[in-house]
Amino acid sequence: MTAFAHDFPFDPTYGYTLDDLLAVPGPGDAPDDFDAFWRGRYERARAVETRPEIGRLVEERDGVRIFEVTYASVGGVRLGGWLVLPAEGAGAEAGAGAVEHGFVIGHGYGGRDAAGPDVPLPLPRSAAILPCVRGMVERGLVDGVPSVSAEHVLHGIAARETYVIGECVADLWCAASALLELVPELGESVAGGQGLGYLGESFGGGLGALALPWDDRFAAGELTVPTFGNHPLRLTLDCIGSGASVRRYRETHPEVVDVLRYFDAATAAERIGVPVLVAAALFDPSVPPPGQFAVFNSLGGDAELMVLEAGHFEFAGLEAMRGELASAKGEFFGRVLK
């Protein structure tokens, strides 16, 4: 394990070796109605008429064209994001027969202001939707939903029905619906047994773990430094990420533990039935590594692990690590998406 110089008031390895991390379990106490709760949310999301609309062409690079896109999600909100299509035949009509794979790509806390490093996509001849979930800048802003991560992660947390994290998961499901409507050949592929891929990092990784068990349109997922894993343990670990807000809130609202049981990414991971690649870090000041590894350790037999030196941290080998991760994603989805 690389020793990084830092000025955090805590150790971002939390004293765990790789062997220790590989032994971290999920919380192991799922509510009796955990599955029913999430299946109900999924059914409501699938009933939404997403009415997607392609906007202006933003840029063309890496063999794709990137368009603005909007779509409707649960609760009557309309969200924005980006639609990525192969440059070959990618005019106002999506895809024009050039698409073989589809991806939904989640983002970290703080949102996204462009397609950015999520392009190029993991596989050629692919289409993707990059949504901004509710509250997240710049194209997911919704009245009444905080856009600052420390506040967003607490929005509606007093009850499982109102917690914003559940609505953000629904935003991903609705994004998948929008993508399938915009690129008809993807809908045909999904109906024929070839599903979508999901990618998400940090916040998007945790949301992905919560989304994947219930949506059979996804055939595989990749989760980088996923958050929301093993909340009981996470609440004991200091950090500089959104988990710090939840820790402070719990000090005066101990009953929140019962709500968090429904939003544990490790609990959800136990129910994922498709291949998943997890990229988990040994050192991470924002998302404690034990929670990340709890997500991986809770997955079934089709789980693959890539160990990262660090997450949410600038260091000399960062660009090389990112290149290795991009290659791993391409190799993984090339094998599992047929």
Protein backbone atom coordinates (compact mmCIF):
# COMPACT_ATOMS: atom_id res chain seq x y z
CA MET A 1 0.00 0.00 0.00
CA THR A 2 1.38 3.40 -1.00
CA ALA A 3 1.89 5.85 1.86
CA PHE A 4 0.57 9.28 0.82
CA ALA A 5 1.56 12.52 2.50
CA HIS A 6 -1.59 14.39 3.51
CA ASP A 7 -2.93 16.91 6.00
CA PHE A 8 -6.27 15.30 6.85
CA PRO A 9 -7.00 15.05 10.59
CA PHE A 10 -7.63 11.32 10.14
CA ASP A 11 -6.06 8.41 8.29
CA PRO A 12 -7.83 7.90 4.92
CA THR A 13 -6.88 4.20 5.02
CA TYR A 14 -8.65 3.93 8.40
CA GLY A 15 -5.99 1.41 9.39
CA TYR A 16 -7.27 -1.24 6.99
CA THR A 17 -4.95 -3.41 4.89
CA LEU A 18 -6.18 -4.94 1.64
CA ASP A 19 -6.83 -8.23 3.45
CA ASP A 20 -8.84 -6.35 6.07
CA LEU A 21 -10.88 -4.60 3.39
CA LEU A 22 -11.63 -7.87 1.62
CA ALA A 23 -13.19 -9.11 4.85
CA VAL A 24 -15.55 -6.16 5.42
CA PRO A 25 -19.13 -7.45 5.21
CA GLY A 26 -22.37 -5.70 4.43
CA PRO A 27 -24.54 -4.60 7.35
CA GLY A 28 -26.41 -7.92 7.34
CA ASP A 29 -29.69 -6.62 8.71
CA ALA A 30 -31.84 -5.64 5.76
CA PRO A 31 -35.41 -4.57 6.58
CA ASP A 32 -37.97 -7.27 5.89
CA ASP A 33 -39.57 -5.11 3.22
CA PHE A 34 -36.34 -3.90 1.61
CA ASP A 35 -37.06 -5.66 -1.69
CA ALA A 36 -40.72 -4.64 -1.76
CA PHE A 37 -39.77 -1.02 -1.06
CA TRP A 38 -37.38 -0.85 -3.98
CA ARG A 39 -39.53 -2.82 -6.39
CA GLY A 40 -42.35 -0.39 -5.71
CA ARG A 41 -40.10 2.57 -6.45
CA TYR A 42 -38.93 0.93 -9.65
CA GLU A 43 -42.46 0.24 -10.84
CA ARG A 44 -43.39 3.89 -10.29
CA ALA A 45 -40.34 5.03 -12.22
CA ARG A 46 -41.11 2.72 -15.14
CA ALA A 47 -44.63 4.16 -15.32
CA VAL A 48 -43.25 7.65 -16.02
CA GLU A 49 -43.57 8.99 -19.56
CA THR A 50 -40.09 10.43 -19.85
CA ARG A 51 -40.78 12.46 -23.04
CA PRO A 52 -37.08 12.90 -23.89
CA GLU A 53 -35.99 15.75 -26.13
CA ILE A 54 -32.65 16.14 -27.88
CA GLY A 55 -31.25 19.65 -27.74
CA ARG A 56 -28.31 21.34 -29.39
CA LEU A 57 -25.14 19.64 -30.53
CA VAL A 58 -22.48 20.54 -27.94
CA GLU A 59 -19.36 19.02 -29.47
CA GLU A 60 -17.96 16.22 -31.59
CA ARG A 61 -14.91 14.29 -30.40
CA ASP A 62 -13.58 10.77 -29.87
CA GLY A 63 -15.83 9.46 -32.65
CA VAL A 64 -19.07 10.65 -31.06
CA ARG A 65 -21.41 13.61 -31.09
CA ILE A 66 -22.60 14.99 -27.77
CA PHE A 67 -26.04 16.59 -27.53
CA GLU A 68 -27.92 18.23 -24.73
CA VAL A 69 -30.93 16.17 -23.65
CA THR A 70 -33.85 16.56 -21.25
CA TYR A 71 -36.31 14.02 -19.86
CA ALA A 72 -39.03 13.70 -17.23
CA SER A 73 -38.60 11.76 -14.00
CA VAL A 74 -40.70 10.86 -10.98
CA GLY A 75 -42.50 13.64 -9.15
CA GLY A 76 -43.09 15.63 -12.31
CA VAL A 77 -39.55 17.03 -12.52
CA ARG A 78 -37.69 17.51 -15.78
CA LEU A 79 -33.96 16.90 -15.77
CA GLY A 80 -31.14 17.58 -18.17
CA GLY A 81 -27.98 15.87 -19.22
CA TRP A 82 -26.10 14.79 -22.30
CA LEU A 83 -26.78 12.23 -25.01
CA VAL A 84 -23.76 10.64 -26.68
CA LEU A 85 -24.15 9.06 -30.13
CA PRO A 86 -21.71 7.63 -32.66
CA ALA A 87 -20.63 10.39 -35.03
CA GLU A 88 -21.43 8.08 -37.92
CA GLY A 89 -25.09 8.78 -38.67
CA ALA A 90 -25.68 10.78 -35.48
CA GLY A 91 -27.78 13.67 -36.65
CA ALA A 92 -31.01 14.89 -35.19
CA GLU A 93 -32.25 11.31 -35.45
CA ALA A 94 -30.51 9.30 -32.75
CA GLY A 95 -28.16 6.59 -33.84
CA ALA A 96 -29.31 5.96 -37.42
CA GLY A 97 -28.49 2.28 -37.06
CA ALA A 98 -24.91 2.84 -35.88
CA VAL A 99 -25.46 1.82 -32.24
CA GLU A 100 -24.61 -1.59 -30.80
CA HIS A 101 -24.36 -0.85 -27.06
CA GLY A 102 -26.00 1.53 -24.61
CA PHE A 103 -24.86 3.01 -21.32
CA VAL A 104 -26.31 5.05 -18.49
CA ILE A 105 -23.51 6.95 -16.77
CA GLY A 106 -23.97 8.36 -13.28
CA HIS A 107 -21.90 11.17 -11.81
CA GLY A 108 -20.21 12.03 -8.54
CA TYR A 109 -21.50 14.42 -5.92
CA GLY A 110 -21.38 17.92 -7.30
CA GLY A 111 -22.96 16.89 -10.58
CA ARG A 112 -21.45 17.50 -14.00
CA ASP A 113 -21.22 20.53 -16.24
CA ALA A 114 -20.30 18.63 -19.41
CA ALA A 115 -19.85 15.11 -20.77
CA GLY A 116 -16.20 15.45 -19.77
CA PRO A 117 -14.07 12.41 -18.96
CA ASP A 118 -16.99 9.99 -19.37
CA VAL A 119 -16.27 10.25 -23.10
CA PRO A 120 -14.86 8.26 -24.85
CA LEU A 121 -17.31 5.53 -23.94
CA PRO A 122 -16.14 2.07 -22.83
CA LEU A 123 -17.02 0.46 -26.17
CA PRO A 124 -17.16 1.74 -29.76
CA ARG A 125 -20.49 2.01 -31.60
CA SER A 126 -22.21 2.90 -28.35
CA ALA A 127 -24.79 5.43 -27.22
CA ALA A 128 -25.06 6.81 -23.71
CA ILE A 129 -27.12 9.13 -21.58
CA LEU A 130 -25.31 11.12 -18.91
CA PRO A 131 -28.07 12.47 -16.66
CA CYS A 132 -27.79 15.07 -13.93
CA VAL A 133 -29.91 13.67 -11.11
CA ARG A 134 -32.18 16.04 -9.24
CA GLY A 135 -30.46 18.79 -7.34
CA MET A 136 -27.13 18.37 -9.06
CA VAL A 137 -25.55 21.05 -11.20
CA GLU A 138 -25.68 22.11 -13.72
CA ARG A 139 -28.62 20.55 -15.54
CA GLY A 140 -30.38 18.80 -12.65
CA LEU A 141 -31.34 21.82 -10.58
CA VAL A 142 -34.83 21.46 -9.07
CA ASP A 143 -36.62 23.99 -6.86
CA GLY A 144 -36.43 22.96 -3.23
CA VAL A 145 -33.65 20.39 -3.66
CA PRO A 146 -30.24 21.54 -2.38
CA SER A 147 -27.41 21.54 -4.90
CA VAL A 148 -24.60 21.39 -2.31
CA SER A 149 -23.66 17.78 -1.50
CA ALA A 150 -23.51 18.30 2.28
CA GLU A 151 -27.13 19.50 2.20
CA HIS A 152 -28.35 17.34 -0.66
CA VAL A 153 -27.46 14.10 1.14
CA LEU A 154 -29.74 15.12 4.04
CA HIS A 155 -32.71 16.25 1.92
CA GLY A 156 -35.82 14.34 2.99
CA ILE A 157 -33.77 11.98 5.15
CA ALA A 158 -36.35 11.93 7.95
CA ALA A 159 -38.36 9.25 6.13
CA ARG A 160 -37.57 6.56 3.57
CA GLU A 161 -40.40 7.76 1.32
CA THR A 162 -39.03 11.30 1.08
CA TYR A 163 -35.27 10.73 1.08
CA VAL A 164 -33.75 12.29 -2.02
CA ILE A 165 -31.43 9.34 -2.61
CA GLY A 166 -34.40 7.19 -3.58
CA GLU A 167 -35.55 9.83 -6.04
CA CYS A 168 -32.04 10.06 -7.52
CA VAL A 169 -32.07 6.31 -8.14
CA ALA A 170 -35.40 6.76 -9.91
CA ASP A 171 -33.79 9.49 -12.02
CA LEU A 172 -31.34 6.87 -13.32
CA TRP A 173 -34.13 4.44 -14.17
CA CYS A 174 -35.97 7.20 -16.02
CA ALA A 175 -32.75 8.11 -17.83
CA ALA A 176 -32.55 4.52 -19.06
CA SER A 177 -36.14 4.78 -20.30
CA ALA A 178 -35.30 8.00 -22.11
CA LEU A 179 -32.23 6.47 -23.76
CA LEU A 180 -34.20 3.48 -25.00
CA GLU A 181 -36.84 5.77 -26.46
CA LEU A 182 -34.29 7.99 -28.18
CA VAL A 183 -32.28 5.11 -29.64
CA PRO A 184 -34.85 2.53 -30.81
CA GLU A 185 -32.30 -0.11 -31.77
CA LEU A 186 -31.20 -0.25 -28.13
CA GLY A 187 -34.76 -1.03 -27.11
CA GLU A 188 -34.78 -3.87 -29.61
CA SER A 189 -31.47 -5.17 -28.24
CA VAL A 190 -32.72 -5.08 -24.66
CA ALA A 191 -35.88 -6.92 -25.69
CA GLY A 192 -33.65 -9.48 -27.39
CA GLY A 193 -31.60 -10.12 -24.27
CA GLN A 194 -28.70 -7.67 -24.70
CA GLY A 195 -28.98 -5.17 -21.91
CA LEU A 196 -27.56 -1.79 -21.08
CA GLY A 197 -24.39 -1.10 -19.14
CA TYR A 198 -24.25 1.18 -16.13
CA LEU A 199 -21.23 3.16 -14.97
CA GLY A 200 -21.04 5.34 -11.89
CA GLU A 201 -18.36 6.87 -9.70
CA SER A 202 -18.60 7.78 -5.99
CA PHE A 203 -22.16 9.11 -5.56
CA GLY A 204 -23.03 7.58 -8.94
CA GLY A 205 -21.47 4.30 -7.83
CA GLY A 206 -23.65 4.11 -4.75
CA LEU A 207 -26.75 5.04 -6.73
CA GLY A 208 -25.87 2.36 -9.27
CA ALA A 209 -25.65 -0.34 -6.63
CA LEU A 210 -29.10 0.68 -5.41
CA ALA A 211 -30.52 0.77 -8.97
CA LEU A 212 -29.14 -2.40 -10.55
CA PRO A 213 -30.94 -5.17 -8.60
CA TRP A 214 -34.41 -4.19 -9.74
CA ASP A 215 -33.96 -3.18 -13.39
CA ASP A 216 -33.53 -6.10 -15.78
CA ARG A 217 -32.73 -3.72 -18.64
CA PHE A 218 -29.16 -3.58 -17.30
CA ALA A 219 -26.87 -6.47 -18.18
CA ALA A 220 -23.75 -5.26 -16.34
CA GLY A 221 -22.42 -2.47 -14.17
CA GLU A 222 -19.18 -0.75 -13.19
CA LEU A 223 -18.94 1.05 -9.86
CA THR A 224 -15.92 3.20 -9.04
CA VAL A 225 -15.27 4.06 -5.37
CA PRO A 226 -18.99 3.56 -4.58
CA THR A 227 -20.50 5.35 -1.61
CA PHE A 228 -23.39 4.37 0.74
CA GLY A 229 -21.83 0.98 1.61
CA ASN A 230 -22.43 -0.46 5.10
CA HIS A 231 -24.00 2.58 6.75
CA PRO A 232 -23.56 1.29 10.34
CA LEU A 233 -19.80 1.14 9.77
CA ARG A 234 -19.75 4.29 7.63
CA LEU A 235 -21.30 6.29 10.46
CA THR A 236 -18.27 5.53 12.63
CA LEU A 237 -15.67 6.76 10.11
CA ASP A 238 -14.62 10.36 9.70
CA CYS A 239 -14.36 11.74 6.17
CA ILE A 240 -14.61 14.94 4.14
CA GLY A 241 -17.39 13.70 1.86
CA SER A 242 -21.17 13.62 2.16
CA GLY A 243 -20.89 10.96 4.84
CA ALA A 244 -19.65 13.62 7.26
CA SER A 245 -23.02 15.39 7.04
CA VAL A 246 -24.88 12.18 7.71
CA ARG A 247 -22.63 11.43 10.71
CA ARG A 248 -23.33 14.85 12.21
CA TYR A 249 -27.06 14.52 11.55
CA ARG A 250 -27.18 11.15 13.25
CA GLU A 251 -25.70 12.62 16.44
CA THR A 252 -28.93 14.54 17.06
CA HIS A 253 -31.28 12.27 15.09
CA PRO A 254 -30.35 8.68 16.00
CA GLU A 255 -33.58 7.44 14.42
CA VAL A 256 -32.09 8.14 10.97
CA VAL A 257 -30.33 4.77 11.22
CA ASP A 258 -33.65 3.08 10.45
CA VAL A 259 -34.05 5.14 7.28
CA LEU A 260 -30.49 4.48 6.12
CA ARG A 261 -31.07 0.73 6.25
CA TYR A 262 -33.15 1.12 3.08
CA PHE A 263 -30.37 2.98 1.26
CA ASP A 264 -27.37 0.78 1.92
CA ALA A 265 -25.44 0.05 -1.27
CA ALA A 266 -23.92 -3.10 0.24
CA THR A 267 -27.35 -4.50 1.11
CA ALA A 268 -28.51 -3.78 -2.43
CA ALA A 269 -25.34 -5.33 -3.88
CA GLU A 270 -26.31 -8.69 -2.40
CA ARG A 271 -29.30 -8.63 -4.75
CA ILE A 272 -27.48 -7.73 -7.98
CA GLY A 273 -27.65 -10.63 -10.43
CA VAL A 274 -25.52 -9.28 -13.30
CA PRO A 275 -21.74 -8.98 -13.68
CA VAL A 276 -20.27 -5.99 -11.86
CA LEU A 277 -16.77 -4.54 -11.86
CA VAL A 278 -15.93 -2.56 -8.72
CA ALA A 279 -12.94 -0.23 -8.61
CA ALA A 280 -12.29 0.31 -4.90
CA ALA A 281 -9.57 2.43 -3.32
CA LEU A 282 -7.17 1.68 -0.49
CA PHE A 283 -6.93 5.37 0.49
CA ASP A 284 -9.87 7.74 0.21
CA PRO A 285 -10.67 10.74 2.40
CA SER A 286 -14.16 11.27 0.93
CA VAL A 287 -15.61 7.75 0.71
CA PRO A 288 -14.01 5.51 3.35
CA PRO A 289 -12.56 2.38 1.71
CA PRO A 290 -14.27 -0.07 4.12
CA GLY A 291 -17.64 1.05 2.75
CA GLN A 292 -16.43 0.70 -0.84
CA PHE A 293 -15.17 -2.83 -0.24
CA ALA A 294 -18.38 -3.73 1.62
CA VAL A 295 -20.18 -3.15 -1.68
CA PHE A 296 -17.78 -5.42 -3.58
CA ASN A 297 -17.73 -8.09 -0.89
CA SER A 298 -21.54 -8.25 -0.90
CA LEU A 299 -21.79 -9.00 -4.62
CA GLY A 300 -22.37 -12.48 -5.98
CA GLY A 301 -20.20 -14.71 -8.16
CA ASP A 302 -20.00 -12.36 -11.14
CA ALA A 303 -18.09 -9.70 -9.21
CA GLU A 304 -14.71 -8.41 -10.36
CA LEU A 305 -12.41 -6.10 -8.42
CA MET A 306 -9.85 -3.53 -9.48
CA VAL A 307 -7.88 -2.15 -6.54
CA LEU A 308 -7.03 1.55 -6.81
CA GLU A 309 -4.24 3.21 -4.87
CA ALA A 310 -6.44 6.16 -3.95
CA GLY A 311 -9.78 7.78 -4.59
CA HIS A 312 -10.81 11.44 -4.36
CA PHE A 313 -7.14 12.39 -4.02
CA GLU A 314 -4.54 13.98 -6.30
CA PHE A 315 -1.28 12.05 -6.48
CA ALA A 316 1.57 11.54 -8.93
CA GLY A 317 0.20 8.35 -10.45
CA LEU A 318 -3.39 9.55 -10.87
CA GLU A 319 -3.41 9.88 -14.66
CA ALA A 320 -1.83 6.46 -15.11
CA MET A 321 -4.41 4.95 -12.74
CA ARG A 322 -7.23 6.58 -14.69
CA GLY A 323 -5.85 5.14 -17.93
CA GLU A 324 -5.67 1.66 -16.42
CA LEU A 325 -9.23 1.99 -15.13
CA ALA A 326 -10.52 3.10 -18.53
CA SER A 327 -8.86 0.07 -20.13
CA ALA A 328 -10.35 -2.23 -17.48
CA LYS A 329 -13.83 -0.85 -18.13
CA GLY A 330 -13.50 -1.44 -21.85
CA GLU A 331 -12.23 -4.98 -21.39
CA PHE A 332 -14.96 -5.76 -18.86
CA PHE A 333 -17.89 -4.49 -20.91
CA GLY A 334 -16.41 -6.03 -24.06
CA ARG A 335 -16.69 -9.44 -22.39
CA VAL A 336 -20.03 -9.12 -20.62
CA LEU A 337 -22.14 -7.13 -23.08
CA LYS A 338 -22.84 -9.47 -25.98
